Protein backbone atom coordinates (compact mmCIF):
# COMPACT_ATOMS: atom_id res chain seq x y z
CA UNK A 1 -41.21 20.65 -7.61
CA UNK A 2 -39.43 20.38 -10.98
CA UNK A 3 -35.97 19.61 -10.97
CA UNK A 4 -33.70 20.56 -13.84
CA UNK A 5 -30.89 17.85 -13.64
CA UNK A 6 -27.92 17.66 -15.68
CA UNK A 7 -27.42 13.86 -16.94
CA UNK A 8 -23.69 14.31 -17.62
CA UNK A 9 -21.98 13.59 -20.67
CA UNK A 10 -23.05 10.00 -21.29
CA UNK A 11 -21.56 7.36 -19.10
CA UNK A 12 -24.29 6.32 -16.61
CA UNK A 13 -21.87 6.62 -13.54
CA UNK A 14 -21.08 9.95 -14.43
CA UNK A 15 -24.17 11.67 -13.18
CA UNK A 16 -24.01 13.48 -9.66
CA UNK A 17 -25.16 11.75 -6.68
CA UNK A 18 -27.76 14.39 -6.24
CA UNK A 19 -28.92 14.07 -9.78
CA UNK A 20 -29.46 10.15 -9.17
CA UNK A 21 -31.39 10.76 -6.07
CA UNK A 22 -33.73 12.94 -7.98
CA UNK A 23 -34.28 10.41 -10.77
CA UNK A 24 -34.73 7.64 -8.10
CA UNK A 25 -37.41 9.67 -6.44
CA UNK A 26 -39.10 11.08 -9.41
CA UNK A 27 -42.83 10.59 -10.29
CA UNK A 28 -42.42 11.81 -13.77
CA UNK A 29 -39.16 12.24 -15.91
CA UNK A 30 -39.08 14.25 -19.17
CA UNK A 31 -35.60 13.33 -20.75
CA UNK A 32 -33.75 14.59 -23.82
CA UNK A 33 -34.16 11.30 -25.85
CA UNK A 34 -31.53 12.24 -28.50
CA UNK A 35 -28.68 12.70 -26.08
CA UNK A 36 -29.31 11.35 -22.47
CA UNK A 37 -28.26 7.70 -22.08
CA UNK A 38 -31.26 5.63 -21.53
CA UNK A 39 -29.37 3.60 -19.17
CA UNK A 40 -29.90 6.43 -16.39
CA UNK A 41 -33.89 5.78 -16.69
CA UNK A 42 -33.28 2.27 -15.39
CA UNK A 43 -32.79 4.00 -11.95
CA UNK A 44 -36.43 5.48 -12.06
CA UNK A 45 -38.88 3.68 -9.77
CA UNK A 46 -41.64 1.52 -10.81
CA UNK A 47 -44.61 3.31 -12.00
CA UNK A 48 -42.55 6.42 -12.78
CA UNK A 49 -43.98 8.23 -15.94
CA UNK A 50 -41.29 8.66 -18.53
CA UNK A 51 -41.52 11.18 -21.51
CA UNK A 52 -39.01 11.47 -24.30
CA UNK A 53 -38.90 15.33 -25.03
CA UNK A 54 -37.09 14.70 -28.46
CA UNK A 55 -40.77 14.08 -29.69
CA UNK A 56 -42.09 17.13 -27.90
CA UNK A 57 -42.55 20.76 -28.21
CA UNK A 58 -42.03 23.32 -25.56
CA UNK A 59 -45.79 23.51 -24.77
CA UNK A 60 -46.04 19.87 -24.59
CA UNK A 61 -43.29 19.69 -22.02
CA UNK A 62 -44.71 22.51 -19.92
CA UNK A 63 -48.20 20.83 -20.04
CA UNK A 64 -46.71 17.53 -18.54
CA UNK A 65 -45.10 19.35 -15.84
CA UNK A 66 -48.21 21.25 -15.11
CA UNK A 67 -50.28 18.33 -15.06
CA UNK A 68 -47.86 16.68 -12.52
CA UNK A 69 -47.53 19.61 -10.39
CA UNK A 70 -51.52 19.65 -10.05
CA UNK A 71 -51.28 16.08 -9.02
CA UNK A 72 -48.46 16.74 -6.30
CA UNK A 73 -45.76 14.83 -8.35
CA UNK A 74 -42.16 15.35 -8.21
CA UNK A 75 -40.67 15.99 -11.79
CA UNK A 76 -37.19 15.56 -13.31
CA UNK A 77 -36.62 17.41 -16.40
CA UNK A 78 -33.28 15.51 -17.40
CA UNK A 79 -30.97 17.23 -19.83
CA UNK A 80 -27.66 16.04 -21.28
CA UNK A 81 -24.21 17.28 -20.04
CA UNK A 82 -24.82 20.27 -17.69
CA UNK A 83 -28.05 22.07 -18.42
CA UNK A 84 -26.96 25.54 -18.28
CA UNK A 85 -24.98 24.88 -21.62
CA UNK A 86 -27.15 24.73 -24.66
CA UNK A 87 -29.91 23.19 -22.52
CA UNK A 88 -32.84 25.66 -23.58
CA UNK A 89 -33.86 25.81 -19.91
CA UNK A 90 -34.46 29.36 -19.60
CA UNK A 91 -37.60 29.30 -21.58
CA UNK A 92 -39.03 26.50 -19.61
CA UNK A 93 -38.12 28.17 -16.24
CA UNK A 94 -39.82 31.48 -17.55
CA UNK A 95 -42.95 29.79 -18.09
CA UNK A 96 -43.01 27.92 -14.81
CA UNK A 97 -42.58 31.14 -12.93
CA UNK A 98 -45.81 32.56 -14.79
CA UNK A 99 -47.41 29.54 -13.53
CA UNK A 100 -46.31 29.46 -10.21
CA UNK A 101 -44.61 26.22 -10.27
CA UNK A 102 -41.56 25.52 -8.18
CA UNK A 103 -38.25 24.39 -9.45
CA UNK A 104 -34.73 24.05 -8.97
CA UNK A 105 -31.56 23.05 -10.99
CA UNK A 106 -29.00 20.09 -10.32
CA UNK A 107 -25.61 20.81 -12.07
CA UNK A 108 -23.97 18.05 -14.27
CA UNK A 109 -20.86 17.08 -15.70
CA UNK A 110 -20.68 18.75 -19.26
CA UNK A 111 -19.16 16.97 -22.08
CA UNK A 112 -16.53 19.39 -22.34
CA UNK A 113 -15.09 18.17 -19.26
CA UNK A 114 -15.29 14.65 -20.61
CA UNK A 115 -13.72 15.79 -23.66
CA UNK A 116 -10.67 16.80 -21.68
CA UNK A 117 -10.76 13.57 -19.79
CA UNK A 118 -10.83 11.53 -22.97
CA UNK A 119 -7.79 13.10 -24.25
CA UNK A 120 -5.97 13.40 -20.73
CA UNK A 121 -5.46 17.30 -21.44
CA UNK A 122 -5.70 20.21 -19.24
CA UNK A 123 -7.55 23.26 -21.02
CA UNK A 124 -5.40 25.96 -18.85
CA UNK A 125 -1.76 25.39 -19.00
CA UNK A 126 0.64 27.93 -17.62
CA UNK A 127 2.33 30.03 -20.38
CA UNK A 128 -0.05 28.42 -23.14
CA UNK A 129 -3.51 29.38 -22.45
CA UNK A 130 -5.24 30.55 -19.21
CA UNK A 131 -8.64 31.11 -20.84
CA UNK A 132 -11.38 28.60 -22.32
CA UNK A 133 -13.79 29.67 -24.91
CA UNK A 134 -16.94 27.62 -25.08
CA UNK A 135 -19.08 28.41 -28.39
CA UNK A 136 -20.84 26.84 -31.40
CA UNK A 137 -21.12 27.55 -35.23
CA UNK A 138 -24.22 29.54 -36.42
CA UNK A 139 -26.61 27.10 -38.02
CA UNK A 140 -30.24 27.13 -37.89
CA UNK A 141 -29.85 28.78 -34.31
CA UNK A 142 -27.94 31.92 -35.02
CA UNK A 143 -25.22 33.25 -33.07
CA UNK A 144 -24.83 36.69 -32.33
CA UNK A 145 -22.25 38.75 -34.81
CA UNK A 146 -20.08 39.79 -31.80
CA UNK A 147 -19.50 36.03 -31.20
CA UNK A 148 -18.22 35.16 -34.27
CA UNK A 149 -15.77 32.23 -34.47
CA UNK A 150 -13.22 34.50 -36.34
CA UNK A 151 -13.40 36.99 -33.53
CA UNK A 152 -12.68 34.19 -30.86
CA UNK A 153 -10.15 32.69 -32.89
CA UNK A 154 -8.04 35.95 -32.64
CA UNK A 155 -7.40 35.35 -28.87
CA UNK A 156 -5.54 31.97 -29.80
CA UNK A 157 -6.61 30.32 -26.57
CA UNK A 158 -8.35 27.03 -25.68
CA UNK A 159 -11.65 26.58 -27.36
CA UNK A 160 -14.29 24.05 -27.39
CA UNK A 161 -17.01 24.08 -30.05
CA UNK A 162 -20.16 22.42 -29.35
CA UNK A 163 -22.87 21.45 -31.97
CA UNK A 164 -20.66 21.82 -35.19
CA UNK A 165 -19.28 18.57 -36.20
CA UNK A 166 -21.34 18.64 -39.41
CA UNK A 167 -19.79 21.96 -40.58
CA UNK A 168 -16.09 21.20 -40.14
CA UNK A 169 -15.09 22.58 -43.39
CA UNK A 170 -16.49 25.84 -42.91
CA UNK A 171 -15.41 25.84 -39.44
CA UNK A 172 -11.72 25.15 -40.07
CA UNK A 173 -11.87 28.18 -42.79
CA UNK A 174 -13.26 30.63 -40.05
CA UNK A 175 -10.67 29.53 -37.42
CA UNK A 176 -7.61 29.99 -39.66
CA UNK A 177 -9.22 33.35 -40.98
CA UNK A 178 -9.53 34.45 -37.47
CA UNK A 179 -6.06 33.75 -36.58
CA UNK A 180 -5.33 30.28 -35.81
CA UNK A 181 -2.63 28.77 -38.26
CA UNK A 182 -3.59 25.61 -39.93
CA UNK A 183 -1.16 23.59 -38.29
CA UNK A 184 -2.70 24.34 -34.74
CA UNK A 185 -3.35 21.19 -32.76
CA UNK A 186 -7.02 20.19 -32.92
CA UNK A 187 -9.04 17.00 -31.61
CA UNK A 188 -12.47 15.50 -32.13
CA UNK A 189 -14.21 13.58 -29.38
CA UNK A 190 -17.27 11.78 -30.51
CA UNK A 191 -19.92 10.66 -27.75
CA UNK A 192 -17.43 11.57 -24.89
CA UNK A 193 -17.74 8.99 -22.02
CA UNK A 194 -20.10 6.76 -24.13
CA UNK A 195 -18.84 3.01 -24.84
CA UNK A 196 -18.48 4.03 -28.58
CA UNK A 197 -16.45 6.94 -27.75
CA UNK A 198 -13.99 7.88 -30.58
CA UNK A 199 -11.15 10.64 -30.36
CA UNK A 200 -9.07 11.88 -33.11
CA UNK A 201 -6.04 14.32 -32.41
CA UNK A 202 -4.70 16.09 -35.69
CA UNK A 203 -4.33 19.80 -36.89
CA UNK A 204 -6.69 22.42 -37.60
CA UNK A 205 -6.70 21.86 -41.37
CA UNK A 206 -6.97 18.14 -41.02
CA UNK A 207 -10.34 18.29 -38.97
CA UNK A 208 -12.74 17.89 -42.04
CA UNK A 209 -10.63 14.90 -43.55
CA UNK A 210 -10.37 13.14 -40.22
CA UNK A 211 -13.99 13.48 -39.40
CA UNK A 212 -14.97 12.00 -42.81
CA UNK A 213 -12.62 9.10 -42.19
CA UNK A 214 -14.41 8.24 -38.96
CA UNK A 215 -17.81 8.87 -40.42
CA UNK A 216 -18.37 11.55 -37.60
CA UNK A 217 -20.95 14.14 -38.41
CA UNK A 218 -22.73 14.71 -34.93
CA UNK A 219 -22.60 14.28 -31.42
CA UNK A 220 -18.93 15.28 -31.32
CA UNK A 221 -16.76 18.23 -29.69
CA UNK A 222 -13.97 20.16 -31.56
CA UNK A 223 -11.39 21.07 -29.33
CA UNK A 224 -8.59 23.61 -30.64
CA UNK A 225 -5.65 25.03 -29.23
CA UNK A 226 -1.85 24.40 -28.43
CA UNK A 227 -3.21 22.68 -25.07
CA UNK A 228 -4.04 19.81 -27.26
CA UNK A 229 -0.53 19.07 -28.12
CA UNK A 230 1.66 21.25 -25.98
CA UNK A 231 5.44 21.51 -27.13
CA UNK A 232 6.23 23.00 -23.67
CA UNK A 233 4.48 24.92 -20.78
CA UNK A 234 5.22 26.66 -17.46
CA UNK A 235 5.23 24.85 -14.17
CA UNK A 236 2.36 25.60 -11.73
CA UNK A 237 3.57 28.25 -8.92
CA UNK A 238 1.05 26.53 -6.66
CA UNK A 239 3.49 23.54 -6.36
CA UNK A 240 6.55 25.16 -6.83
CA UNK A 241 9.08 24.96 -3.79
CA UNK A 242 10.01 28.57 -4.09
CA UNK A 243 6.42 29.84 -4.17
CA UNK A 244 5.00 31.06 -0.65
CA UNK A 245 1.32 30.39 -0.12
CA UNK A 246 -1.18 30.81 2.69
CA UNK A 247 -0.30 27.13 3.70
CA UNK A 248 3.38 26.99 3.35
CA UNK A 249 6.48 29.23 2.84
CA UNK A 250 8.75 28.93 -0.25
CA UNK A 251 12.26 27.96 0.20
């Protein structure tokens, strides 16, 4: 069996119990070396084969999985955060299906959750924003035209932008062109939950300047929206004494 495991955002103790169990039982681990905390590999059993996929092609990764399957070994494919977000797992799964190699998925804590925790913010504040857009800037990996930054900015809701810390000048311009005002609250969270985490709260127009001051060019989330620094927000109906729920009657 090949287990696709979300390693969490960085901190070793933010992997799930299930994910840690798979790591401890694995005969082979293939991990995303550029992003996964190497401390997680210390949980592997003695004799476990460990491969750094940052130095491998897709074909080489599959070759390791195929060989392990033939040898009756348990494999963990360890991706950063939650593998369903920018994890490039579908292409691996499709090949495994062609080769009749069984696999499953173990969810992880995404860095967008760790980013919110670092700032103690809630993405979905009543009367401020009830939606969260997760996206990225187009780089060497293209983004469909219908998913442009400008089109998403027009909604004025909470937004988390992955894989774009090195393009903040362009990002800021696109967000403003799409409808956000230059003074919209924004934040940069570098390596959320890691020991060397950095966080900056500023305005949209100040994003490039603040990132330069902190020498942040990669491994950072950009968070945009009024939820970053809310001036006011509505009270939750769920805990309003006047609100009737399935479990209690409003007064």
